[in-house]
N, C-alpha and C. Protein backbone atom coordinates (compact mmCIF):
# COMPACT_ATOMS: atom_id res chain seq x y z
N MET A 1 23.55 1.48 2.47
CA MET A 1 23.47 2.05 1.14
C MET A 1 23.94 3.50 1.18
N ASP A 2 24.81 3.88 0.26
CA ASP A 2 25.17 5.29 0.19
C ASP A 2 24.13 6.02 -0.66
N PHE A 3 24.27 7.35 -0.73
CA PHE A 3 23.22 8.15 -1.38
C PHE A 3 23.06 7.79 -2.85
N LYS A 4 24.16 7.60 -3.56
CA LYS A 4 24.05 7.25 -4.99
C LYS A 4 23.30 5.93 -5.16
N GLU A 5 23.58 4.95 -4.32
CA GLU A 5 22.87 3.66 -4.39
C GLU A 5 21.37 3.86 -4.17
N ILE A 6 21.02 4.70 -3.20
CA ILE A 6 19.61 4.96 -2.92
C ILE A 6 18.94 5.60 -4.13
N VAL A 7 19.59 6.59 -4.73
CA VAL A 7 19.02 7.26 -5.91
C VAL A 7 18.84 6.27 -7.05
N LEU A 8 19.85 5.44 -7.32
CA LEU A 8 19.75 4.49 -8.42
C LEU A 8 18.74 3.39 -8.14
N LYS A 9 18.55 3.04 -6.89
CA LYS A 9 17.57 2.01 -6.53
C LYS A 9 16.14 2.58 -6.49
N ASN A 10 16.02 3.89 -6.38
CA ASN A 10 14.71 4.55 -6.34
C ASN A 10 14.15 4.64 -7.75
N ARG A 11 13.54 3.59 -8.21
CA ARG A 11 12.94 3.52 -9.54
C ARG A 11 11.42 3.63 -9.42
N SER A 12 10.75 3.72 -10.55
CA SER A 12 9.28 3.69 -10.56
C SER A 12 8.84 2.23 -10.62
N TYR A 13 8.46 1.70 -9.48
CA TYR A 13 8.03 0.30 -9.41
C TYR A 13 6.51 0.22 -9.55
N ARG A 14 6.06 -0.81 -10.26
CA ARG A 14 4.63 -0.97 -10.51
C ARG A 14 4.08 -2.30 -10.03
N ARG A 15 4.96 -3.17 -9.55
CA ARG A 15 4.53 -4.46 -9.00
C ARG A 15 5.23 -4.68 -7.67
N PHE A 16 4.43 -5.13 -6.69
CA PHE A 16 4.90 -5.23 -5.31
C PHE A 16 4.50 -6.57 -4.70
N ASP A 17 5.13 -6.90 -3.58
CA ASP A 17 4.70 -8.02 -2.76
C ASP A 17 3.61 -7.48 -1.84
N GLN A 18 2.38 -7.69 -2.22
CA GLN A 18 1.25 -7.10 -1.49
C GLN A 18 1.12 -7.65 -0.07
N SER A 19 1.71 -8.81 0.20
CA SER A 19 1.64 -9.37 1.55
C SER A 19 2.58 -8.65 2.51
N SER A 20 3.52 -7.88 1.98
CA SER A 20 4.45 -7.11 2.80
C SER A 20 3.79 -5.77 3.13
N THR A 21 3.39 -5.60 4.35
CA THR A 21 2.62 -4.42 4.74
C THR A 21 3.52 -3.22 5.05
N ILE A 22 2.90 -2.06 5.04
CA ILE A 22 3.54 -0.82 5.45
C ILE A 22 2.67 -0.23 6.55
N THR A 23 3.27 0.18 7.64
CA THR A 23 2.50 0.69 8.77
C THR A 23 2.26 2.19 8.66
N LYS A 24 1.31 2.64 9.43
CA LYS A 24 1.06 4.09 9.52
C LYS A 24 2.30 4.81 10.01
N GLU A 25 3.02 4.20 10.94
CA GLU A 25 4.24 4.82 11.49
C GLU A 25 5.31 4.99 10.42
N GLN A 26 5.46 4.01 9.53
CA GLN A 26 6.43 4.14 8.45
C GLN A 26 6.04 5.29 7.51
N LEU A 27 4.76 5.36 7.18
CA LEU A 27 4.29 6.44 6.31
C LEU A 27 4.54 7.80 6.97
N LEU A 28 4.28 7.89 8.26
CA LEU A 28 4.51 9.14 8.98
C LEU A 28 6.00 9.52 8.98
N GLN A 29 6.88 8.54 9.10
CA GLN A 29 8.32 8.83 9.06
C GLN A 29 8.71 9.42 7.71
N TRP A 30 8.18 8.86 6.62
CA TRP A 30 8.53 9.34 5.29
C TRP A 30 7.95 10.73 5.02
N VAL A 31 6.72 10.95 5.48
CA VAL A 31 6.12 12.28 5.34
C VAL A 31 6.89 13.29 6.18
N ASP A 32 7.39 12.87 7.34
CA ASP A 32 8.15 13.78 8.17
C ASP A 32 9.45 14.22 7.48
N LEU A 33 10.04 13.34 6.67
CA LEU A 33 11.20 13.74 5.88
C LEU A 33 10.81 14.85 4.90
N ALA A 34 9.67 14.67 4.24
CA ALA A 34 9.20 15.69 3.28
C ALA A 34 8.86 16.99 4.00
N ARG A 35 8.32 16.89 5.20
CA ARG A 35 7.96 18.08 5.97
C ARG A 35 9.18 18.94 6.25
N GLN A 36 10.32 18.30 6.40
CA GLN A 36 11.54 19.02 6.74
C GLN A 36 12.35 19.43 5.50
N ALA A 37 11.88 19.06 4.32
CA ALA A 37 12.59 19.42 3.09
C ALA A 37 12.24 20.85 2.67
N ALA A 38 12.87 21.30 1.60
CA ALA A 38 12.64 22.66 1.10
C ALA A 38 11.19 22.88 0.70
N SER A 39 10.75 24.13 0.82
CA SER A 39 9.39 24.54 0.44
C SER A 39 9.47 25.96 -0.11
N GLY A 40 8.88 26.19 -1.28
CA GLY A 40 8.90 27.52 -1.88
C GLY A 40 8.36 28.57 -0.93
N SER A 41 9.14 29.62 -0.70
CA SER A 41 8.81 30.71 0.23
C SER A 41 8.54 30.19 1.65
N ASN A 42 8.91 28.95 1.91
CA ASN A 42 8.67 28.28 3.18
C ASN A 42 7.20 28.33 3.60
N LEU A 43 6.29 28.31 2.62
CA LEU A 43 4.87 28.39 2.93
C LEU A 43 4.28 27.06 3.40
N GLN A 44 4.90 25.96 3.02
CA GLN A 44 4.49 24.64 3.51
C GLN A 44 3.01 24.37 3.28
N GLY A 45 2.63 24.46 2.02
CA GLY A 45 1.21 24.29 1.67
C GLY A 45 0.77 22.89 1.34
N LEU A 46 1.64 21.90 1.50
CA LEU A 46 1.27 20.52 1.20
C LEU A 46 0.65 19.84 2.41
N LYS A 47 -0.30 18.96 2.12
CA LYS A 47 -0.91 18.10 3.13
C LYS A 47 -0.81 16.67 2.58
N TYR A 48 -0.99 15.69 3.43
CA TYR A 48 -0.79 14.29 3.01
C TYR A 48 -1.92 13.42 3.55
N TYR A 49 -2.50 12.63 2.69
CA TYR A 49 -3.52 11.66 3.10
C TYR A 49 -2.85 10.29 3.06
N LEU A 50 -2.86 9.58 4.18
CA LEU A 50 -2.18 8.30 4.29
C LEU A 50 -3.16 7.14 4.19
N VAL A 51 -2.78 6.13 3.42
CA VAL A 51 -3.61 4.93 3.26
C VAL A 51 -2.71 3.72 3.50
N TRP A 52 -3.01 2.91 4.50
CA TRP A 52 -2.23 1.72 4.79
C TRP A 52 -3.11 0.51 5.07
N GLU A 53 -4.39 0.71 5.34
CA GLU A 53 -5.29 -0.41 5.60
C GLU A 53 -5.71 -1.05 4.28
N PRO A 54 -5.68 -2.39 4.18
CA PRO A 54 -5.91 -3.07 2.90
C PRO A 54 -7.23 -2.70 2.21
N GLU A 55 -8.30 -2.54 2.97
CA GLU A 55 -9.60 -2.24 2.34
C GLU A 55 -9.57 -0.87 1.66
N GLU A 56 -9.01 0.13 2.34
CA GLU A 56 -8.95 1.46 1.76
C GLU A 56 -7.94 1.50 0.61
N ALA A 57 -6.85 0.74 0.74
CA ALA A 57 -5.86 0.67 -0.34
C ALA A 57 -6.49 0.09 -1.60
N GLN A 58 -7.34 -0.91 -1.45
CA GLN A 58 -8.01 -1.50 -2.61
C GLN A 58 -8.94 -0.50 -3.27
N LYS A 59 -9.66 0.27 -2.48
CA LYS A 59 -10.55 1.29 -3.05
C LYS A 59 -9.75 2.36 -3.78
N LEU A 60 -8.63 2.77 -3.21
CA LEU A 60 -7.80 3.78 -3.87
C LEU A 60 -7.20 3.21 -5.15
N PHE A 61 -6.79 1.96 -5.13
CA PHE A 61 -6.22 1.30 -6.31
C PHE A 61 -7.16 1.42 -7.51
N GLU A 62 -8.44 1.35 -7.27
CA GLU A 62 -9.43 1.40 -8.35
C GLU A 62 -9.56 2.78 -8.97
N THR A 63 -8.91 3.80 -8.39
CA THR A 63 -9.00 5.16 -8.93
C THR A 63 -7.74 5.61 -9.67
N VAL A 64 -6.71 4.76 -9.72
CA VAL A 64 -5.44 5.16 -10.34
C VAL A 64 -5.14 4.32 -11.58
N THR A 65 -4.24 4.84 -12.42
CA THR A 65 -3.84 4.16 -13.66
C THR A 65 -2.34 3.92 -13.62
N PHE A 66 -1.94 2.71 -13.96
CA PHE A 66 -0.53 2.33 -13.97
C PHE A 66 0.00 2.22 -15.40
N ALA A 67 1.22 2.73 -15.63
CA ALA A 67 2.02 2.45 -16.83
C ALA A 67 1.33 2.74 -18.15
N ALA A 68 1.14 4.01 -18.45
CA ALA A 68 0.48 4.41 -19.69
C ALA A 68 1.21 3.90 -20.93
N TYR A 69 2.53 3.78 -20.89
CA TYR A 69 3.27 3.30 -22.05
C TYR A 69 3.08 1.80 -22.30
N LEU A 70 2.69 1.05 -21.28
CA LEU A 70 2.51 -0.40 -21.43
C LEU A 70 1.04 -0.68 -21.75
N ARG A 71 0.68 -0.47 -22.99
CA ARG A 71 -0.74 -0.52 -23.39
C ARG A 71 -1.36 -1.90 -23.28
N ASP A 72 -0.55 -2.95 -23.33
CA ASP A 72 -1.08 -4.32 -23.24
C ASP A 72 -1.09 -4.85 -21.80
N TRP A 73 -0.80 -3.98 -20.84
CA TRP A 73 -0.73 -4.41 -19.44
C TRP A 73 -1.84 -3.73 -18.66
N ALA A 74 -2.64 -4.51 -17.98
CA ALA A 74 -3.79 -3.98 -17.24
C ALA A 74 -3.43 -3.44 -15.87
N GLY A 75 -2.17 -3.51 -15.49
CA GLY A 75 -1.76 -3.03 -14.17
C GLY A 75 -1.48 -4.20 -13.25
N PRO A 76 -1.03 -3.90 -12.04
CA PRO A 76 -0.69 -4.98 -11.10
C PRO A 76 -1.92 -5.81 -10.74
N GLN A 77 -1.70 -7.10 -10.68
CA GLN A 77 -2.77 -8.04 -10.35
C GLN A 77 -2.87 -8.20 -8.83
N PRO A 78 -3.96 -8.80 -8.33
CA PRO A 78 -4.04 -9.07 -6.89
C PRO A 78 -2.79 -9.83 -6.44
N GLY A 79 -2.24 -9.39 -5.33
CA GLY A 79 -1.01 -9.96 -4.81
C GLY A 79 0.23 -9.16 -5.16
N GLU A 80 0.12 -8.29 -6.20
CA GLU A 80 1.25 -7.45 -6.60
C GLU A 80 0.89 -5.97 -6.60
N GLN A 81 -0.22 -5.64 -5.95
CA GLN A 81 -0.65 -4.24 -5.86
C GLN A 81 0.05 -3.54 -4.70
N PRO A 82 0.08 -2.21 -4.71
CA PRO A 82 0.74 -1.47 -3.61
C PRO A 82 0.10 -1.79 -2.26
N ALA A 83 0.94 -1.79 -1.23
CA ALA A 83 0.46 -2.03 0.13
C ALA A 83 -0.06 -0.76 0.77
N ALA A 84 0.40 0.40 0.28
CA ALA A 84 0.03 1.67 0.90
C ALA A 84 0.13 2.79 -0.12
N TYR A 85 -0.45 3.93 0.25
CA TYR A 85 -0.41 5.11 -0.62
C TYR A 85 -0.23 6.35 0.25
N ILE A 86 0.40 7.35 -0.34
CA ILE A 86 0.40 8.70 0.22
C ILE A 86 -0.13 9.60 -0.88
N VAL A 87 -1.22 10.27 -0.60
CA VAL A 87 -1.79 11.22 -1.55
C VAL A 87 -1.30 12.60 -1.15
N ILE A 88 -0.57 13.25 -2.07
CA ILE A 88 -0.05 14.58 -1.79
C ILE A 88 -1.08 15.61 -2.23
N LEU A 89 -1.44 16.47 -1.29
CA LEU A 89 -2.50 17.46 -1.49
C LEU A 89 -1.93 18.87 -1.41
N GLY A 90 -2.49 19.76 -2.18
CA GLY A 90 -2.11 21.17 -2.11
C GLY A 90 -3.23 21.98 -1.48
N ASP A 91 -2.89 22.75 -0.48
CA ASP A 91 -3.88 23.61 0.18
C ASP A 91 -3.86 24.97 -0.52
N ARG A 92 -4.86 25.22 -1.36
CA ARG A 92 -4.87 26.47 -2.14
C ARG A 92 -5.14 27.70 -1.29
N PHE A 93 -5.58 27.51 -0.03
CA PHE A 93 -5.69 28.65 0.89
C PHE A 93 -4.30 29.17 1.26
N ILE A 94 -3.32 28.28 1.23
CA ILE A 94 -1.95 28.67 1.57
C ILE A 94 -1.20 29.16 0.33
N LYS A 95 -1.28 28.40 -0.78
CA LYS A 95 -0.59 28.77 -2.01
C LYS A 95 -1.26 28.05 -3.17
N PRO A 96 -1.60 28.77 -4.25
CA PRO A 96 -2.32 28.12 -5.35
C PRO A 96 -1.48 27.19 -6.21
N ASN A 97 -0.17 27.41 -6.33
CA ASN A 97 0.66 26.56 -7.17
C ASN A 97 1.77 25.95 -6.33
N LEU A 98 1.68 24.65 -6.13
CA LEU A 98 2.66 23.95 -5.29
C LEU A 98 3.41 22.87 -6.06
N ASP A 99 3.51 23.02 -7.39
CA ASP A 99 4.16 22.00 -8.21
C ASP A 99 5.59 21.72 -7.76
N MET A 100 6.36 22.77 -7.52
CA MET A 100 7.76 22.60 -7.10
C MET A 100 7.82 21.87 -5.76
N ASP A 101 7.02 22.30 -4.80
CA ASP A 101 7.01 21.66 -3.49
C ASP A 101 6.60 20.19 -3.61
N CYS A 102 5.62 19.92 -4.45
CA CYS A 102 5.12 18.56 -4.63
C CYS A 102 6.23 17.64 -5.14
N GLY A 103 6.99 18.10 -6.13
CA GLY A 103 8.09 17.29 -6.65
C GLY A 103 9.16 17.02 -5.61
N ILE A 104 9.50 18.05 -4.85
CA ILE A 104 10.51 17.88 -3.79
C ILE A 104 10.01 16.88 -2.75
N ALA A 105 8.76 17.02 -2.34
CA ALA A 105 8.20 16.14 -1.31
C ALA A 105 8.11 14.70 -1.81
N ALA A 106 7.63 14.51 -3.03
CA ALA A 106 7.47 13.16 -3.58
C ALA A 106 8.81 12.45 -3.66
N GLN A 107 9.82 13.13 -4.18
CA GLN A 107 11.14 12.52 -4.29
C GLN A 107 11.73 12.22 -2.92
N THR A 108 11.54 13.12 -1.97
CA THR A 108 12.06 12.91 -0.62
C THR A 108 11.40 11.68 0.02
N ILE A 109 10.09 11.56 -0.12
CA ILE A 109 9.37 10.41 0.44
C ILE A 109 9.87 9.12 -0.19
N LEU A 110 10.01 9.10 -1.51
CA LEU A 110 10.44 7.87 -2.18
C LEU A 110 11.89 7.52 -1.85
N LEU A 111 12.74 8.51 -1.68
CA LEU A 111 14.11 8.22 -1.26
C LEU A 111 14.12 7.62 0.15
N GLY A 112 13.28 8.15 1.03
CA GLY A 112 13.16 7.59 2.38
C GLY A 112 12.65 6.16 2.36
N ALA A 113 11.64 5.90 1.52
CA ALA A 113 11.10 4.54 1.39
C ALA A 113 12.16 3.59 0.84
N THR A 114 12.91 4.05 -0.15
CA THR A 114 13.97 3.23 -0.75
C THR A 114 15.05 2.90 0.28
N ALA A 115 15.45 3.89 1.06
CA ALA A 115 16.46 3.67 2.10
C ALA A 115 16.00 2.63 3.11
N ASP A 116 14.68 2.52 3.30
CA ASP A 116 14.12 1.55 4.26
C ASP A 116 13.77 0.21 3.62
N GLY A 117 14.14 0.02 2.34
CA GLY A 117 13.91 -1.27 1.69
C GLY A 117 12.60 -1.39 0.95
N TYR A 118 11.91 -0.28 0.74
CA TYR A 118 10.65 -0.28 0.00
C TYR A 118 10.85 0.44 -1.32
N GLY A 119 9.79 0.63 -2.05
CA GLY A 119 9.85 1.36 -3.31
C GLY A 119 8.49 1.92 -3.62
N GLY A 120 8.42 2.67 -4.69
CA GLY A 120 7.13 3.26 -5.01
C GLY A 120 7.06 3.81 -6.41
N LEU A 121 6.00 4.55 -6.63
CA LEU A 121 5.69 5.10 -7.93
C LEU A 121 4.93 6.41 -7.75
N MET A 122 5.38 7.46 -8.45
CA MET A 122 4.62 8.72 -8.49
C MET A 122 3.55 8.58 -9.56
N MET A 123 2.31 8.84 -9.19
CA MET A 123 1.20 8.66 -10.13
C MET A 123 0.45 9.97 -10.29
N GLY A 124 0.42 10.45 -11.53
CA GLY A 124 -0.34 11.65 -11.84
C GLY A 124 -1.61 11.33 -12.61
N SER A 125 -1.81 10.06 -12.92
CA SER A 125 -2.98 9.63 -13.68
C SER A 125 -3.96 8.93 -12.74
N PHE A 126 -5.04 9.61 -12.44
CA PHE A 126 -6.05 9.06 -11.54
C PHE A 126 -7.39 9.70 -11.83
N LYS A 127 -8.46 9.06 -11.36
CA LYS A 127 -9.82 9.59 -11.52
C LYS A 127 -10.04 10.61 -10.41
N ARG A 128 -9.81 11.86 -10.75
CA ARG A 128 -9.81 12.93 -9.75
C ARG A 128 -11.10 12.99 -8.94
N ASP A 129 -12.24 12.97 -9.60
CA ASP A 129 -13.51 13.09 -8.87
C ASP A 129 -13.75 11.89 -7.95
N SER A 130 -13.48 10.69 -8.47
CA SER A 130 -13.67 9.48 -7.65
C SER A 130 -12.74 9.48 -6.45
N LEU A 131 -11.49 9.88 -6.67
CA LEU A 131 -10.53 9.88 -5.57
C LEU A 131 -10.87 10.95 -4.54
N SER A 132 -11.26 12.13 -5.00
CA SER A 132 -11.66 13.20 -4.06
C SER A 132 -12.84 12.75 -3.21
N LYS A 133 -13.79 12.09 -3.85
CA LYS A 133 -14.96 11.61 -3.12
C LYS A 133 -14.56 10.53 -2.11
N LEU A 134 -13.70 9.61 -2.53
CA LEU A 134 -13.24 8.55 -1.64
C LEU A 134 -12.55 9.12 -0.40
N LEU A 135 -11.73 10.15 -0.61
CA LEU A 135 -10.97 10.73 0.49
C LEU A 135 -11.77 11.75 1.29
N ALA A 136 -12.93 12.15 0.77
CA ALA A 136 -13.79 13.14 1.43
C ALA A 136 -13.01 14.41 1.76
N LEU A 137 -12.38 14.97 0.75
CA LEU A 137 -11.51 16.12 0.95
C LEU A 137 -12.30 17.42 1.04
N PRO A 138 -11.85 18.34 1.88
CA PRO A 138 -12.45 19.67 1.88
C PRO A 138 -12.12 20.39 0.57
N GLU A 139 -12.91 21.39 0.21
CA GLU A 139 -12.78 22.07 -1.07
C GLU A 139 -11.44 22.75 -1.30
N ASN A 140 -10.73 23.13 -0.26
CA ASN A 140 -9.47 23.86 -0.43
C ASN A 140 -8.28 22.94 -0.73
N LEU A 141 -8.49 21.62 -0.69
CA LEU A 141 -7.40 20.69 -0.93
C LEU A 141 -7.51 20.07 -2.32
N ASP A 142 -6.44 20.23 -3.11
CA ASP A 142 -6.37 19.65 -4.45
C ASP A 142 -5.44 18.46 -4.43
N ILE A 143 -5.82 17.40 -5.13
CA ILE A 143 -4.94 16.24 -5.26
C ILE A 143 -3.87 16.57 -6.29
N LEU A 144 -2.61 16.53 -5.87
CA LEU A 144 -1.50 16.84 -6.77
C LEU A 144 -0.84 15.58 -7.31
N LEU A 145 -0.69 14.57 -6.48
CA LEU A 145 0.05 13.37 -6.86
C LEU A 145 -0.31 12.24 -5.91
N VAL A 146 -0.27 11.02 -6.42
CA VAL A 146 -0.48 9.84 -5.60
C VAL A 146 0.82 9.04 -5.61
N LEU A 147 1.30 8.67 -4.43
CA LEU A 147 2.47 7.80 -4.33
C LEU A 147 1.99 6.41 -3.94
N ALA A 148 2.26 5.43 -4.80
CA ALA A 148 1.98 4.03 -4.51
C ALA A 148 3.24 3.44 -3.88
N LEU A 149 3.10 2.68 -2.81
CA LEU A 149 4.26 2.20 -2.05
C LEU A 149 4.14 0.72 -1.71
N GLY A 150 5.28 0.04 -1.65
CA GLY A 150 5.30 -1.36 -1.28
C GLY A 150 6.69 -1.93 -1.40
N LYS A 151 6.79 -3.26 -1.24
CA LYS A 151 8.05 -3.98 -1.46
C LYS A 151 8.10 -4.37 -2.93
N PRO A 152 9.01 -3.77 -3.70
CA PRO A 152 9.05 -4.07 -5.13
C PRO A 152 9.38 -5.53 -5.42
N THR A 153 8.74 -6.07 -6.45
CA THR A 153 9.03 -7.43 -6.89
C THR A 153 9.53 -7.47 -8.32
N GLU A 154 9.68 -6.32 -8.94
CA GLU A 154 10.15 -6.32 -10.33
C GLU A 154 11.55 -5.75 -10.44
N LYS A 155 12.22 -6.16 -11.49
CA LYS A 155 13.56 -5.65 -11.77
C LYS A 155 13.42 -4.50 -12.75
N VAL A 156 14.06 -3.36 -12.41
CA VAL A 156 14.05 -2.18 -13.28
C VAL A 156 15.49 -1.88 -13.67
N VAL A 157 15.71 -1.72 -14.97
CA VAL A 157 17.06 -1.51 -15.50
C VAL A 157 17.08 -0.21 -16.30
N LEU A 158 18.06 0.64 -16.02
CA LEU A 158 18.25 1.86 -16.81
C LEU A 158 19.06 1.53 -18.06
N VAL A 159 18.61 2.06 -19.21
CA VAL A 159 19.29 1.81 -20.49
C VAL A 159 19.38 3.13 -21.25
N PRO A 160 20.32 3.23 -22.19
CA PRO A 160 20.38 4.44 -23.03
C PRO A 160 19.16 4.52 -23.94
N ILE A 161 18.78 5.73 -24.29
CA ILE A 161 17.70 5.93 -25.26
C ILE A 161 18.16 5.36 -26.60
N ASP A 162 17.26 4.67 -27.28
CA ASP A 162 17.57 4.16 -28.61
C ASP A 162 16.47 4.56 -29.59
N GLU A 163 16.68 4.29 -30.85
CA GLU A 163 15.71 4.68 -31.89
C GLU A 163 14.42 3.89 -31.81
N THR A 164 14.48 2.68 -31.31
CA THR A 164 13.29 1.84 -31.23
C THR A 164 12.31 2.33 -30.18
N HIS A 165 12.80 2.66 -28.98
CA HIS A 165 11.91 2.97 -27.86
C HIS A 165 11.85 4.46 -27.51
N GLY A 166 12.84 5.24 -27.90
CA GLY A 166 12.86 6.63 -27.47
C GLY A 166 12.89 6.70 -25.96
N VAL A 167 12.02 7.52 -25.36
CA VAL A 167 11.97 7.65 -23.90
C VAL A 167 10.96 6.69 -23.27
N ARG A 168 10.24 5.93 -24.08
CA ARG A 168 9.19 5.05 -23.55
C ARG A 168 9.79 3.83 -22.84
N TYR A 169 9.37 3.60 -21.60
CA TYR A 169 9.80 2.42 -20.89
C TYR A 169 9.13 1.20 -21.51
N TYR A 170 9.73 0.03 -21.30
CA TYR A 170 9.20 -1.19 -21.91
C TYR A 170 9.64 -2.40 -21.08
N ARG A 171 9.06 -3.55 -21.38
CA ARG A 171 9.40 -4.80 -20.71
C ARG A 171 9.82 -5.84 -21.74
N ASP A 172 10.68 -6.75 -21.30
CA ASP A 172 11.07 -7.84 -22.19
C ASP A 172 10.24 -9.08 -21.88
N GLU A 173 10.57 -10.19 -22.54
CA GLU A 173 9.80 -11.43 -22.38
C GLU A 173 9.91 -12.00 -20.97
N ASN A 174 10.91 -11.56 -20.20
CA ASN A 174 11.07 -12.01 -18.81
C ASN A 174 10.48 -11.02 -17.80
N GLU A 175 9.74 -10.03 -18.30
CA GLU A 175 9.08 -9.02 -17.47
C GLU A 175 10.08 -8.08 -16.78
N VAL A 176 11.31 -8.00 -17.31
CA VAL A 176 12.25 -7.00 -16.82
C VAL A 176 11.81 -5.66 -17.39
N HIS A 177 11.77 -4.65 -16.54
CA HIS A 177 11.27 -3.32 -16.91
C HIS A 177 12.48 -2.43 -17.25
N TYR A 178 12.51 -1.89 -18.47
CA TYR A 178 13.62 -1.06 -18.92
C TYR A 178 13.18 0.39 -19.01
N VAL A 179 14.05 1.29 -18.51
CA VAL A 179 13.75 2.72 -18.50
C VAL A 179 14.86 3.45 -19.26
N PRO A 180 14.57 3.96 -20.46
CA PRO A 180 15.58 4.70 -21.22
C PRO A 180 15.91 6.04 -20.57
N LYS A 181 17.19 6.37 -20.52
CA LYS A 181 17.66 7.64 -19.97
C LYS A 181 18.59 8.32 -20.97
N ARG A 182 18.49 9.63 -21.05
CA ARG A 182 19.39 10.41 -21.90
C ARG A 182 20.81 10.33 -21.34
N ALA A 183 21.79 10.43 -22.22
CA ALA A 183 23.20 10.42 -21.81
C ALA A 183 23.55 11.73 -21.12
N LEU A 184 24.50 11.68 -20.20
CA LEU A 184 24.93 12.86 -19.47
C LEU A 184 25.38 13.96 -20.44
N GLU A 185 26.14 13.60 -21.47
CA GLU A 185 26.63 14.60 -22.42
C GLU A 185 25.50 15.25 -23.23
N ASP A 186 24.33 14.65 -23.23
CA ASP A 186 23.18 15.24 -23.95
C ASP A 186 22.40 16.22 -23.10
N ILE A 187 22.68 16.31 -21.81
CA ILE A 187 21.88 17.19 -20.95
C ILE A 187 22.68 18.27 -20.25
N VAL A 188 24.02 18.21 -20.35
CA VAL A 188 24.86 19.19 -19.66
C VAL A 188 25.48 20.14 -20.68
N PHE A 189 25.43 21.43 -20.37
CA PHE A 189 26.01 22.44 -21.24
C PHE A 189 27.01 23.28 -20.49
N TRP A 190 28.10 23.63 -21.11
CA TRP A 190 29.06 24.59 -20.62
C TRP A 190 29.94 24.99 -21.79
N LYS A 191 30.84 25.92 -21.57
CA LYS A 191 31.72 26.37 -22.64
C LYS A 191 32.86 25.35 -22.79
N GLY A 192 32.55 24.31 -23.43
CA GLY A 192 33.49 23.23 -23.64
C GLY A 192 32.70 22.04 -24.16
N SER A 193 33.29 20.89 -24.12
CA SER A 193 32.57 19.69 -24.56
C SER A 193 33.13 18.49 -23.84
N PHE A 194 32.43 17.39 -23.96
CA PHE A 194 32.87 16.15 -23.32
C PHE A 194 34.06 15.59 -24.06
């Protein structure tokens, strides 16, 4: 796969083949990619909590929310839940605001997972107190983002934004997941035009 293929294949997947496992070593490889990526002021204030064992993955699953736009969908069912998670943490002793670093790290990890034949989802919707308690985090670590990971089983298609859906993703009767994207000419500016 070339880089463009990896980027286009790196979608937000919400259903996985739960029988396809992810090892601790695979998670470490993806985090190592993020470790070597850019970091604001090179402070490297991110930490990562890895979850790959099925029992802990199930407990973590109960603290996150999938697909806010799909109001009639309760989330992935048993058998299609993520096989693993990476919880991205910010160490406020190092730097209080790590939003930029978090985005860089999350995208780097997901690109690495995609290149290896997996997929994932960045999740910002979770029960913060329950998840912090589950992970037994020290007070200086804040949960910034949860990455759900696995072998995707759903088809995701990029489509132009339309009047019916706007930017909201949706599914059709065959469970194909559509993600509206703005046109290139709507997001690029220069002294000229398309």
